[in-house]
Amino acid sequence: MTTKRNKIVIGTRGSKLALWQANWVKDKLQTLYPELKVEIEKIKTTGDKILDAPLAKIGGKGLFVKEIEEALLSKRVDLAVHSMKDVPTEIPEGLQISAICEREDPRDVFISKEGILLKELPQGAVVGTSSLRRTVQLKALRSDLVIKPLRGNVDTRIRKLREGEFHAIVLAMAGLKRMGFEDIVTQPFPEDLMIPAIGQGAIGIETRIDDDFVNERIKHLNHEETAICITAERAFLSVMGGGCQVPLACHARIINLQPSAFSLKLVGIIGDPEDKIPIIRGSCEGSLSQAERLGADLAKELLKRGGKEILEKVYK
């Protein structure tokens, strides 16, 4: 039986981008349910507290969600709004990802101080990113680049570029568009050239499984096509079992083969954090109903082709 309530509390990180996402969900809910009062509660996560080290060195999973999930389980908040790229594949007992909202542009973008393209950077130029995934792919494109850690929110990263700490930086287009910074983009990377993070650009809504009131209202925010793609990508991640310590990427997209005929196409990589083994890359294609199996099979293929060796070296 669904208990009638007049208020829902959203749990979120306190960064400008996280608050944009939470307010977007809030606005959608209040449009659908004008009688509902929706509040936002900011929660500081482990990933927000440690700003002086690359994520790969911090280790662990759920750096940006653990404390929010604890607030959800304790009923301090009624739902959590996450960037899906931050959500581990293992969800705590009693919780679920109940909706995945329509994905924003998933691409990574290159932003240079002088407005020059990646291929035009001088030899030995310094590029900022905190992501091992981006690092190995940048090195594959330009082995002469010096890649240095870049942490902080979108504003902080852009400020560091403008102050001259880096010749260029790489960020996610989705965050820039949501924050109104897309005009500073020098060069978007095609998804097949710089494969995005798993879940990049998608907002996920996490709820308690037994909260029928919230789940009934949240289901209207689920975007089926995005959910199919994220299901495939997260199946890839689940089989890989990797976290921030391993350069992993998988991107799924739905392609229209002919009128009313659609296919799901995946591309994925696993890289060596020490840059001693070339990037292992693969792709596959199949029906939309096979999303989970396609992601899992692609991961298994890459593991057989040398990915297992990389994982064993990282986690030994």
C-alpha atoms as a PDB file:
ATOM      1  CA  MET A   1       0.000   0.000   0.000  1.00  0.00           C
ATOM      2  CA  THR A   2       1.363   3.428  -0.984  1.00  0.00           C
ATOM      3  CA  THR A   3       1.438   5.942   1.871  1.00  0.00           C
ATOM      4  CA  LYS A   4       0.436   9.445   0.788  1.00  0.00           C
ATOM      5  CA  ARG A   5       3.052  12.126   1.541  1.00  0.00           C
ATOM      6  CA  ASN A   6       3.353  15.778   0.655  1.00  0.00           C
ATOM      7  CA  LYS A   7       7.161  16.139   0.733  1.00  0.00           C
ATOM      8  CA  ILE A   8      10.201  14.482  -0.859  1.00  0.00           C
ATOM      9  CA  VAL A   9      13.807  15.244   0.148  1.00  0.00           C
ATOM     10  CA  ILE A  10      16.549  14.846  -2.479  1.00  0.00           C
ATOM     11  CA  GLY A  11      20.066  13.960  -1.354  1.00  0.00           C
ATOM     12  CA  THR A  12      22.955  15.251  -3.464  1.00  0.00           C
ATOM     13  CA  ARG A  13      26.551  16.373  -3.405  1.00  0.00           C
ATOM     14  CA  GLY A  14      27.057  20.105  -2.943  1.00  0.00           C
ATOM     15  CA  SER A  15      29.000  20.977  -6.095  1.00  0.00           C
ATOM     16  CA  LYS A  16      27.406  23.383  -8.568  1.00  0.00           C
ATOM     17  CA  LEU A  17      27.005  20.610 -11.129  1.00  0.00           C
ATOM     18  CA  ALA A  18      25.492  18.170  -8.614  1.00  0.00           C
ATOM     19  CA  LEU A  19      23.071  20.874  -7.456  1.00  0.00           C
ATOM     20  CA  TRP A  20      22.133  21.642 -11.059  1.00  0.00           C
ATOM     21  CA  GLN A  21      21.257  17.966 -11.523  1.00  0.00           C
ATOM     22  CA  ALA A  22      19.295  17.796  -8.259  1.00  0.00           C
ATOM     23  CA  ASN A  23      17.374  20.957  -9.118  1.00  0.00           C
ATOM     24  CA  TRP A  24      16.621  19.579 -12.586  1.00  0.00           C
ATOM     25  CA  VAL A  25      15.038  16.508 -10.964  1.00  0.00           C
ATOM     26  CA  LYS A  26      13.244  18.730  -8.440  1.00  0.00           C
ATOM     27  CA  ASP A  27      11.750  20.877 -11.224  1.00  0.00           C
ATOM     28  CA  LYS A  28      10.611  17.803 -13.158  1.00  0.00           C
ATOM     29  CA  LEU A  29       8.903  16.358 -10.074  1.00  0.00           C
ATOM     30  CA  GLN A  30       7.187  19.624  -9.178  1.00  0.00           C
ATOM     31  CA  THR A  31       5.940  20.002 -12.762  1.00  0.00           C
ATOM     32  CA  LEU A  32       4.499  16.470 -12.670  1.00  0.00           C
ATOM     33  CA  TYR A  33       3.182  16.794  -9.098  1.00  0.00           C
ATOM     34  CA  PRO A  34       2.446  20.467  -8.254  1.00  0.00           C
ATOM     35  CA  GLU A  35       1.069  19.520  -4.846  1.00  0.00           C
ATOM     36  CA  LEU A  36       4.375  17.912  -3.846  1.00  0.00           C
ATOM     37  CA  LYS A  37       6.974  19.861  -1.843  1.00  0.00           C
ATOM     38  CA  VAL A  38      10.495  18.906  -2.953  1.00  0.00           C
ATOM     39  CA  GLU A  39      13.543  19.871  -0.895  1.00  0.00           C
ATOM     40  CA  ILE A  40      17.271  19.383  -1.482  1.00  0.00           C
ATOM     41  CA  GLU A  41      19.793  18.321   1.147  1.00  0.00           C
ATOM     42  CA  LYS A  42      23.505  18.685   0.426  1.00  0.00           C
ATOM     43  CA  ILE A  43      25.718  15.837   1.620  1.00  0.00           C
ATOM     44  CA  LYS A  44      29.537  15.846   1.608  1.00  0.00           C
ATOM     45  CA  THR A  45      31.050  12.630   0.283  1.00  0.00           C
ATOM     46  CA  THR A  46      34.512  11.115   0.712  1.00  0.00           C
ATOM     47  CA  GLY A  47      35.423  12.170  -2.824  1.00  0.00           C
ATOM     48  CA  ASP A  48      34.505  15.775  -1.998  1.00  0.00           C
ATOM     49  CA  LYS A  49      36.703  15.819   1.105  1.00  0.00           C
ATOM     50  CA  ILE A  50      39.908  14.579  -0.547  1.00  0.00           C
ATOM     51  CA  LEU A  51      40.943  17.102  -3.171  1.00  0.00           C
ATOM     52  CA  ASP A  52      44.732  16.845  -3.099  1.00  0.00           C
ATOM     53  CA  ALA A  53      45.135  13.383  -4.635  1.00  0.00           C
ATOM     54  CA  PRO A  54      44.183  11.750  -7.942  1.00  0.00           C
ATOM     55  CA  LEU A  55      41.105   9.522  -7.670  1.00  0.00           C
ATOM     56  CA  ALA A  56      43.141   6.523  -8.835  1.00  0.00           C
ATOM     57  CA  LYS A  57      45.389   6.838  -5.777  1.00  0.00           C
ATOM     58  CA  ILE A  58      42.499   7.191  -3.310  1.00  0.00           C
ATOM     59  CA  GLY A  59      41.075   3.839  -4.422  1.00  0.00           C
ATOM     60  CA  GLY A  60      37.820   2.272  -3.371  1.00  0.00           C
ATOM     61  CA  LYS A  61      34.402   2.435  -4.975  1.00  0.00           C
ATOM     62  CA  GLY A  62      31.523   4.769  -4.329  1.00  0.00           C
ATOM     63  CA  LEU A  63      33.693   7.758  -3.395  1.00  0.00           C
ATOM     64  CA  PHE A  64      30.947  10.170  -4.449  1.00  0.00           C
ATOM     65  CA  VAL A  65      27.866   8.196  -3.383  1.00  0.00           C
ATOM     66  CA  LYS A  66      28.503   6.270  -0.128  1.00  0.00           C
ATOM     67  CA  GLU A  67      27.442   8.980   2.328  1.00  0.00           C
ATOM     68  CA  ILE A  68      24.382   9.843   0.235  1.00  0.00           C
ATOM     69  CA  GLU A  69      23.335   6.187   0.181  1.00  0.00           C
ATOM     70  CA  GLU A  70      23.722   6.059   3.980  1.00  0.00           C
ATOM     71  CA  ALA A  71      21.379   9.062   4.257  1.00  0.00           C
ATOM     72  CA  LEU A  72      18.929   7.282   1.963  1.00  0.00           C
ATOM     73  CA  LEU A  73      18.993   4.072   4.011  1.00  0.00           C
ATOM     74  CA  SER A  74      18.518   6.005   7.263  1.00  0.00           C
ATOM     75  CA  LYS A  75      15.526   7.847   5.688  1.00  0.00           C
ATOM     76  CA  ARG A  76      17.192  11.227   6.123  1.00  0.00           C
ATOM     77  CA  VAL A  77      16.527  11.712   2.393  1.00  0.00           C
ATOM     78  CA  ASP A  78      13.943  10.060   0.114  1.00  0.00           C
ATOM     79  CA  LEU A  79      15.925   9.806  -3.085  1.00  0.00           C
ATOM     80  CA  ALA A  80      19.471  10.412  -4.283  1.00  0.00           C
ATOM     81  CA  VAL A  81      20.511  12.105  -7.514  1.00  0.00           C
ATOM     82  CA  HIS A  82      23.839  10.893  -8.907  1.00  0.00           C
ATOM     83  CA  SER A  83      26.001  11.190 -11.985  1.00  0.00           C
ATOM     84  CA  MET A  84      25.787   7.599 -13.210  1.00  0.00           C
ATOM     85  CA  LYS A  85      29.528   7.532 -13.900  1.00  0.00           C
ATOM     86  CA  ASP A  86      30.060   7.768 -10.115  1.00  0.00           C
ATOM     87  CA  VAL A  87      27.742   4.887  -9.178  1.00  0.00           C
ATOM     88  CA  PRO A  88      29.349   1.468  -8.474  1.00  0.00           C
ATOM     89  CA  THR A  89      27.714  -1.587 -10.020  1.00  0.00           C
ATOM     90  CA  GLU A  90      27.035  -3.023  -6.549  1.00  0.00           C
ATOM     91  CA  ILE A  91      24.093  -1.203  -4.975  1.00  0.00           C
ATOM     92  CA  PRO A  92      23.572  -1.511  -1.180  1.00  0.00           C
ATOM     93  CA  GLU A  93      20.851  -3.922  -0.075  1.00  0.00           C
ATOM     94  CA  GLY A  94      17.495  -2.175   0.098  1.00  0.00           C
ATOM     95  CA  LEU A  95      18.339   0.401  -2.574  1.00  0.00           C
ATOM     96  CA  GLN A  96      17.904   0.525  -6.343  1.00  0.00           C
ATOM     97  CA  ILE A  97      18.540   2.776  -9.326  1.00  0.00           C
ATOM     98  CA  SER A  98      14.890   3.431 -10.077  1.00  0.00           C
ATOM     99  CA  ALA A  99      15.282   5.855 -12.988  1.00  0.00           C
ATOM    100  CA  ILE A 100      17.953   6.914 -15.443  1.00  0.00           C
ATOM    101  CA  CYS A 101      17.178  10.267 -17.035  1.00  0.00           C
ATOM    102  CA  GLU A 102      17.799  11.181 -20.658  1.00  0.00           C
ATOM    103  CA  ARG A 103      21.496  11.388 -21.353  1.00  0.00           C
ATOM    104  CA  GLU A 104      23.210  14.674 -22.134  1.00  0.00           C
ATOM    105  CA  ASP A 105      26.061  14.759 -24.691  1.00  0.00           C
ATOM    106  CA  PRO A 106      28.394  11.965 -23.440  1.00  0.00           C
ATOM    107  CA  ARG A 107      31.577  13.110 -25.191  1.00  0.00           C
ATOM    108  CA  ASP A 108      34.822  14.271 -23.626  1.00  0.00           C
ATOM    109  CA  VAL A 109      36.100  17.625 -24.838  1.00  0.00           C
ATOM    110  CA  PHE A 110      39.497  19.234 -25.226  1.00  0.00           C
ATOM    111  CA  ILE A 111      39.895  22.805 -23.960  1.00  0.00           C
ATOM    112  CA  SER A 112      43.165  24.666 -24.592  1.00  0.00           C
ATOM    113  CA  LYS A 113      44.295  27.990 -23.161  1.00  0.00           C
ATOM    114  CA  GLU A 114      45.195  29.346 -26.589  1.00  0.00           C
ATOM    115  CA  GLY A 115      42.258  27.778 -28.411  1.00  0.00           C
ATOM    116  CA  ILE A 116      44.468  25.422 -30.424  1.00  0.00           C
ATOM    117  CA  LEU A 117      43.651  21.813 -31.306  1.00  0.00           C
ATOM    118  CA  LEU A 118      45.198  18.756 -29.644  1.00  0.00           C
ATOM    119  CA  LYS A 119      47.380  18.062 -32.687  1.00  0.00           C
ATOM    120  CA  GLU A 120      48.690  21.664 -32.578  1.00  0.00           C
ATOM    121  CA  LEU A 121      49.927  21.582 -28.963  1.00  0.00           C
ATOM    122  CA  PRO A 122      53.696  22.007 -28.630  1.00  0.00           C
ATOM    123  CA  GLN A 123      55.733  18.912 -27.805  1.00  0.00           C
ATOM    124  CA  GLY A 124      55.749  18.244 -24.070  1.00  0.00           C
ATOM    125  CA  ALA A 125      52.643  20.375 -23.444  1.00  0.00           C
ATOM    126  CA  VAL A 126      50.985  19.880 -20.049  1.00  0.00           C
ATOM    127  CA  VAL A 127      47.419  18.549 -20.127  1.00  0.00           C
ATOM    128  CA  GLY A 128      45.278  18.231 -16.989  1.00  0.00           C
ATOM    129  CA  THR A 129      42.960  15.363 -16.139  1.00  0.00           C
ATOM    130  CA  SER A 130      42.322  13.275 -13.031  1.00  0.00           C
ATOM    131  CA  SER A 131      41.134  10.306 -15.087  1.00  0.00           C
ATOM    132  CA  LEU A 132      43.325   7.317 -15.952  1.00  0.00           C
ATOM    133  CA  ARG A 133      40.826   6.537 -18.720  1.00  0.00           C
ATOM    134  CA  ARG A 134      41.497   9.890 -20.356  1.00  0.00           C
ATOM    135  CA  THR A 135      45.228   9.684 -19.673  1.00  0.00           C
ATOM    136  CA  VAL A 136      45.825   6.432 -21.563  1.00  0.00           C
ATOM    137  CA  GLN A 137      43.693   7.588 -24.490  1.00  0.00           C
ATOM    138  CA  LEU A 138      45.472  10.954 -24.665  1.00  0.00           C
ATOM    139  CA  LYS A 139      48.831   9.179 -24.582  1.00  0.00           C
ATOM    140  CA  ALA A 140      47.704   6.984 -27.465  1.00  0.00           C
ATOM    141  CA  LEU A 141      46.926  10.122 -29.467  1.00  0.00           C
ATOM    142  CA  ARG A 142      49.981  12.147 -28.373  1.00  0.00           C
ATOM    143  CA  SER A 143      52.668  10.152 -26.554  1.00  0.00           C
ATOM    144  CA  ASP A 144      54.787  13.283 -26.005  1.00  0.00           C
ATOM    145  CA  LEU A 145      52.240  15.034 -23.780  1.00  0.00           C
ATOM    146  CA  VAL A 146      52.816  15.528 -20.052  1.00  0.00           C
ATOM    147  CA  ILE A 147      49.642  14.522 -18.227  1.00  0.00           C
ATOM    148  CA  LYS A 148      49.193  16.042 -14.760  1.00  0.00           C
ATOM    149  CA  PRO A 149      46.423  15.500 -12.169  1.00  0.00           C
ATOM    150  CA  LEU A 150      43.504  17.924 -12.205  1.00  0.00           C
ATOM    151  CA  ARG A 151      40.891  17.755  -9.431  1.00  0.00           C
ATOM    152  CA  GLY A 152      38.094  20.082  -8.357  1.00  0.00           C
ATOM    153  CA  ASN A 153      34.738  21.147  -9.727  1.00  0.00           C
ATOM    154  CA  VAL A 154      34.223  22.487 -13.243  1.00  0.00           C
ATOM    155  CA  ASP A 155      34.850  26.115 -12.211  1.00  0.00           C
ATOM    156  CA  THR A 156      38.093  25.205 -10.441  1.00  0.00           C
ATOM    157  CA  ARG A 157      39.430  23.212 -13.373  1.00  0.00           C
ATOM    158  CA  ILE A 158      38.696  26.028 -15.828  1.00  0.00           C
ATOM    159  CA  ARG A 159      40.326  28.573 -13.490  1.00  0.00           C
ATOM    160  CA  LYS A 160      43.503  26.466 -13.269  1.00  0.00           C
ATOM    161  CA  LEU A 161      43.667  26.374 -17.070  1.00  0.00           C
ATOM    162  CA  ARG A 162      43.221  30.139 -17.363  1.00  0.00           C
ATOM    163  CA  GLU A 163      45.869  30.758 -14.695  1.00  0.00           C
ATOM    164  CA  GLY A 164      48.396  28.869 -16.802  1.00  0.00           C
ATOM    165  CA  GLU A 165      48.853  25.663 -14.788  1.00  0.00           C
ATOM    166  CA  PHE A 166      48.062  23.671 -17.936  1.00  0.00           C
ATOM    167  CA  HIS A 167      48.260  24.161 -21.682  1.00  0.00           C
ATOM    168  CA  ALA A 168      44.961  22.290 -21.957  1.00  0.00           C
ATOM    169  CA  ILE A 169      42.464  20.209 -19.988  1.00  0.00           C
ATOM    170  CA  VAL A 170      39.946  17.482 -20.824  1.00  0.00           C
ATOM    171  CA  LEU A 171      36.430  17.618 -19.348  1.00  0.00           C
ATOM    172  CA  ALA A 172      33.005  16.084 -19.960  1.00  0.00           C
ATOM    173  CA  MET A 173      30.754  17.954 -22.364  1.00  0.00           C
ATOM    174  CA  ALA A 174      27.670  17.121 -20.299  1.00  0.00           C
ATOM    175  CA  GLY A 175      28.878  19.061 -17.260  1.00  0.00           C
ATOM    176  CA  LEU A 176      29.953  22.025 -19.362  1.00  0.00           C
ATOM    177  CA  LYS A 177      26.592  22.204 -21.135  1.00  0.00           C
ATOM    178  CA  ARG A 178      24.660  21.964 -17.882  1.00  0.00           C
ATOM    179  CA  MET A 179      26.767  24.732 -16.370  1.00  0.00           C
ATOM    180  CA  GLY A 180      26.609  26.933 -19.472  1.00  0.00           C
ATOM    181  CA  PHE A 181      30.311  26.650 -20.360  1.00  0.00           C
ATOM    182  CA  GLU A 182      30.075  24.884 -23.725  1.00  0.00           C
ATOM    183  CA  ASP A 183      31.358  27.991 -25.552  1.00  0.00           C
ATOM    184  CA  ILE A 184      34.875  27.426 -24.161  1.00  0.00           C
ATOM    185  CA  VAL A 185      35.212  23.998 -25.825  1.00  0.00           C
ATOM    186  CA  THR A 186      38.079  23.882 -28.310  1.00  0.00           C
ATOM    187  CA  GLN A 187      37.501  20.396 -29.679  1.00  0.00           C
ATOM    188  CA  PRO A 188      34.947  17.664 -28.875  1.00  0.00           C
ATOM    189  CA  PHE A 189      36.315  14.126 -29.137  1.00  0.00           C
ATOM    190  CA  PRO A 190      34.229  11.625 -31.157  1.00  0.00           C
ATOM    191  CA  GLU A 191      33.039   8.809 -28.850  1.00  0.00           C
ATOM    192  CA  ASP A 192      35.089   6.240 -30.790  1.00  0.00           C
ATOM    193  CA  LEU A 193      38.311   8.289 -30.487  1.00  0.00           C
ATOM    194  CA  MET A 194      38.078   9.152 -26.779  1.00  0.00           C
ATOM    195  CA  ILE A 195      35.671   6.608 -25.314  1.00  0.00           C
ATOM    196  CA  PRO A 196      33.622   8.235 -22.520  1.00  0.00           C
ATOM    197  CA  ALA A 197      33.355   7.005 -18.944  1.00  0.00           C
ATOM    198  CA  ILE A 198      30.732   4.377 -18.229  1.00  0.00           C
ATOM    199  CA  GLY A 199      27.495   6.248 -17.565  1.00  0.00           C
ATOM    200  CA  GLN A 200      28.918   9.643 -18.551  1.00  0.00           C
ATOM    201  CA  GLY A 201      26.255  12.272 -19.182  1.00  0.00           C
ATOM    202  CA  ALA A 202      23.422  10.329 -17.511  1.00  0.00           C
ATOM    203  CA  ILE A 203      21.690  11.248 -14.251  1.00  0.00           C
ATOM    204  CA  GLY A 204      20.609   8.352 -12.046  1.00  0.00           C
ATOM    205  CA  ILE A 205      17.959   8.432  -9.327  1.00  0.00           C
ATOM    206  CA  GLU A 206      18.454   6.019  -6.432  1.00  0.00           C
ATOM    207  CA  THR A 207      15.620   5.137  -4.041  1.00  0.00           C
ATOM    208  CA  ARG A 208      14.662   2.652  -1.370  1.00  0.00           C
ATOM    209  CA  ILE A 209      13.143  -0.460  -2.942  1.00  0.00           C
ATOM    210  CA  ASP A 210      10.231  -0.474  -0.504  1.00  0.00           C
ATOM    211  CA  ASP A 211       9.334   3.220  -0.935  1.00  0.00           C
ATOM    212  CA  ASP A 212       6.347   2.819  -3.258  1.00  0.00           C
ATOM    213  CA  PHE A 213       5.355   6.479  -2.956  1.00  0.00           C
ATOM    214  CA  VAL A 214       8.659   7.788  -4.318  1.00  0.00           C
ATOM    215  CA  ASN A 215       9.174   4.975  -6.830  1.00  0.00           C
ATOM    216  CA  GLU A 216       5.766   5.577  -8.386  1.00  0.00           C
ATOM    217  CA  ARG A 217       6.632   9.249  -8.987  1.00  0.00           C
ATOM    218  CA  ILE A 218      10.198   8.704 -10.123  1.00  0.00           C
ATOM    219  CA  LYS A 219       9.376   6.151 -12.831  1.00  0.00           C
ATOM    220  CA  HIS A 220       8.102   8.934 -15.102  1.00  0.00           C
ATOM    221  CA  LEU A 221      11.641  10.381 -15.262  1.00  0.00           C
ATOM    222  CA  ASN A 222      13.168   7.191 -16.646  1.00  0.00           C
ATOM    223  CA  HIS A 223      14.343   7.457 -20.265  1.00  0.00           C
ATOM    224  CA  GLU A 224      14.153   4.004 -21.838  1.00  0.00           C
ATOM    225  CA  GLU A 225      16.803   4.440 -24.544  1.00  0.00           C
ATOM    226  CA  THR A 226      19.325   5.895 -22.080  1.00  0.00           C
ATOM    227  CA  ALA A 227      18.553   3.155 -19.557  1.00  0.00           C
ATOM    228  CA  ILE A 228      19.287   0.478 -22.180  1.00  0.00           C
ATOM    229  CA  CYS A 229      22.676   2.026 -23.001  1.00  0.00           C
ATOM    230  CA  ILE A 230      23.641   2.452 -19.346  1.00  0.00           C
ATOM    231  CA  THR A 231      22.599  -1.152 -18.617  1.00  0.00           C
ATOM    232  CA  ALA A 232      25.050  -2.374 -21.260  1.00  0.00           C
ATOM    233  CA  GLU A 233      27.878  -0.143 -20.048  1.00  0.00           C
ATOM    234  CA  ARG A 234      27.415  -1.127 -16.401  1.00  0.00           C
ATOM    235  CA  ALA A 235      27.331  -4.815 -17.316  1.00  0.00           C
ATOM    236  CA  PHE A 236      30.737  -4.279 -18.917  1.00  0.00           C
ATOM    237  CA  LEU A 237      31.992  -2.616 -15.709  1.00  0.00           C
ATOM    238  CA  SER A 238      30.521  -5.334 -13.507  1.00  0.00           C
ATOM    239  CA  VAL A 239      32.416  -8.085 -15.330  1.00  0.00           C
ATOM    240  CA  MET A 240      35.618  -6.031 -15.339  1.00  0.00           C
ATOM    241  CA  GLY A 241      35.250  -5.367 -11.612  1.00  0.00           C
ATOM    242  CA  GLY A 242      37.515  -2.363 -11.982  1.00  0.00           C
ATOM    243  CA  GLY A 243      37.415   0.992 -10.253  1.00  0.00           C
ATOM    244  CA  CYS A 244      39.337   4.255 -10.579  1.00  0.00           C
ATOM    245  CA  GLN A 245      42.663   2.375 -10.449  1.00  0.00           C
ATOM    246  CA  VAL A 246      42.132   0.862 -13.918  1.00  0.00           C
ATOM    247  CA  PRO A 247      41.675   2.771 -17.208  1.00  0.00           C
ATOM    248  CA  LEU A 248      38.318   1.378 -18.345  1.00  0.00           C
ATOM    249  CA  ALA A 249      35.784   2.772 -20.766  1.00  0.00           C
ATOM    250  CA  CYS A 250      32.649   1.541 -22.466  1.00  0.00           C
ATOM    251  CA  HIS A 251      30.127   3.481 -24.482  1.00  0.00           C
ATOM    252  CA  ALA A 252      26.831   2.228 -25.893  1.00  0.00           C
ATOM    253  CA  ARG A 253      24.597   3.921 -28.410  1.00  0.00           C
ATOM    254  CA  ILE A 254      21.464   2.991 -30.273  1.00  0.00           C
ATOM    255  CA  ILE A 255      21.734   3.173 -34.036  1.00  0.00           C
ATOM    256  CA  ASN A 256      18.918   3.170 -36.558  1.00  0.00           C
ATOM    257  CA  LEU A 257      19.644   0.532 -39.177  1.00  0.00           C
ATOM    258  CA  GLN A 258      16.461   1.141 -41.133  1.00  0.00           C
ATOM    259  CA  PRO A 259      12.968   2.472 -40.371  1.00  0.00           C
ATOM    260  CA  SER A 260      11.762   0.913 -37.111  1.00  0.00           C
ATOM    261  CA  ALA A 261      14.871  -1.298 -36.831  1.00  0.00           C
ATOM    262  CA  PHE A 262      17.355  -0.437 -34.116  1.00  0.00           C
ATOM    263  CA  SER A 263      20.610  -1.917 -32.906  1.00  0.00           C
ATOM    264  CA  LEU A 264      22.794  -1.395 -29.841  1.00  0.00           C
ATOM    265  CA  LYS A 265      26.462  -0.738 -30.592  1.00  0.00           C
ATOM    266  CA  LEU A 266      29.153  -0.912 -27.904  1.00  0.00           C
ATOM    267  CA  VAL A 267      32.803   0.041 -27.909  1.00  0.00           C
ATOM    268  CA  GLY A 268      35.081  -0.567 -24.927  1.00  0.00           C
ATOM    269  CA  ILE A 269      38.704  -0.459 -23.793  1.00  0.00           C
ATOM    270  CA  ILE A 270      40.949  -1.487 -20.950  1.00  0.00           C
ATOM    271  CA  GLY A 271      44.330   0.203 -20.595  1.00  0.00           C
ATOM    272  CA  ASP A 272      47.471  -0.282 -18.548  1.00  0.00           C
ATOM    273  CA  PRO A 273      47.918   2.393 -15.828  1.00  0.00           C
ATOM    274  CA  GLU A 274      51.701   2.049 -16.249  1.00  0.00           C
ATOM    275  CA  ASP A 275      51.398   2.476 -20.023  1.00  0.00           C
ATOM    276  CA  LYS A 276      53.418  -0.698 -20.712  1.00  0.00           C
ATOM    277  CA  ILE A 277      50.671  -2.668 -22.464  1.00  0.00           C
ATOM    278  CA  PRO A 278      48.903  -1.147 -25.494  1.00  0.00           C
ATOM    279  CA  ILE A 279      45.226  -0.275 -25.052  1.00  0.00           C
ATOM    280  CA  ILE A 280      43.007  -3.327 -25.597  1.00  0.00           C
ATOM    281  CA  ARG A 281      39.955  -2.314 -27.584  1.00  0.00           C
ATOM    282  CA  GLY A 282      36.842  -4.080 -28.795  1.00  0.00           C
ATOM    283  CA  SER A 283      33.316  -3.531 -30.057  1.00  0.00           C
ATOM    284  CA  CYS A 284      30.114  -5.455 -30.578  1.00  0.00           C
ATOM    285  CA  GLU A 285      26.562  -4.980 -31.778  1.00  0.00           C
ATOM    286  CA  GLY A 286      23.227  -6.618 -31.087  1.00  0.00           C
ATOM    287  CA  SER A 287      19.570  -6.161 -30.272  1.00  0.00           C
ATOM    288  CA  LEU A 288      18.377  -3.718 -27.625  1.00  0.00           C
ATOM    289  CA  SER A 289      16.944  -6.572 -25.568  1.00  0.00           C
ATOM    290  CA  GLN A 290      20.461  -8.038 -25.206  1.00  0.00           C
ATOM    291  CA  ALA A 291      21.993  -4.936 -23.568  1.00  0.00           C
ATOM    292  CA  GLU A 292      23.241  -6.643 -20.419  1.00  0.00           C
ATOM    293  CA  ARG A 293      24.642  -9.656 -22.253  1.00  0.00           C
ATOM    294  CA  LEU A 294      26.376  -7.498 -24.864  1.00  0.00           C
ATOM    295  CA  GLY A 295      28.176  -5.470 -22.187  1.00  0.00           C
ATOM    296  CA  ALA A 296      29.222  -8.586 -20.287  1.00  0.00           C
ATOM    297  CA  ASP A 297      30.414 -10.397 -23.430  1.00  0.00           C
ATOM    298  CA  LEU A 298      32.484  -7.413 -24.563  1.00  0.00           C
ATOM    299  CA  ALA A 299      34.210  -7.263 -21.177  1.00  0.00           C
ATOM    300  CA  LYS A 300      34.939 -11.009 -21.265  1.00  0.00           C
ATOM    301  CA  GLU A 301      36.455 -10.638 -24.735  1.00  0.00           C
ATOM    302  CA  LEU A 302      38.813  -7.857 -23.578  1.00  0.00           C
ATOM    303  CA  LEU A 303      39.784  -9.835 -20.484  1.00  0.00           C
ATOM    304  CA  LYS A 304      40.739 -12.807 -22.685  1.00  0.00           C
ATOM    305  CA  ARG A 305      42.825 -10.555 -24.930  1.00  0.00           C
ATOM    306  CA  GLY A 306      45.045  -9.317 -22.089  1.00  0.00           C
ATOM    307  CA  GLY A 307      42.725  -7.386 -19.810  1.00  0.00           C
ATOM    308  CA  LYS A 308      42.949 -10.050 -17.122  1.00  0.00           C
ATOM    309  CA  GLU A 309      46.712  -9.578 -17.004  1.00  0.00           C
ATOM    310  CA  ILE A 310      46.264  -5.834 -16.471  1.00  0.00           C
ATOM    311  CA  LEU A 311      43.752  -6.332 -13.656  1.00  0.00           C
ATOM    312  CA  GLU A 312      45.953  -8.889 -11.910  1.00  0.00           C
ATOM    313  CA  LYS A 313      48.913  -6.527 -12.096  1.00  0.00           C
ATOM    314  CA  VAL A 314      46.913  -3.626 -10.629  1.00  0.00           C
ATOM    315  CA  TYR A 315      45.269  -5.580  -7.795  1.00  0.00           C
ATOM    316  CA  LYS A 316      48.076  -7.962  -6.828  1.00  0.00           C
END
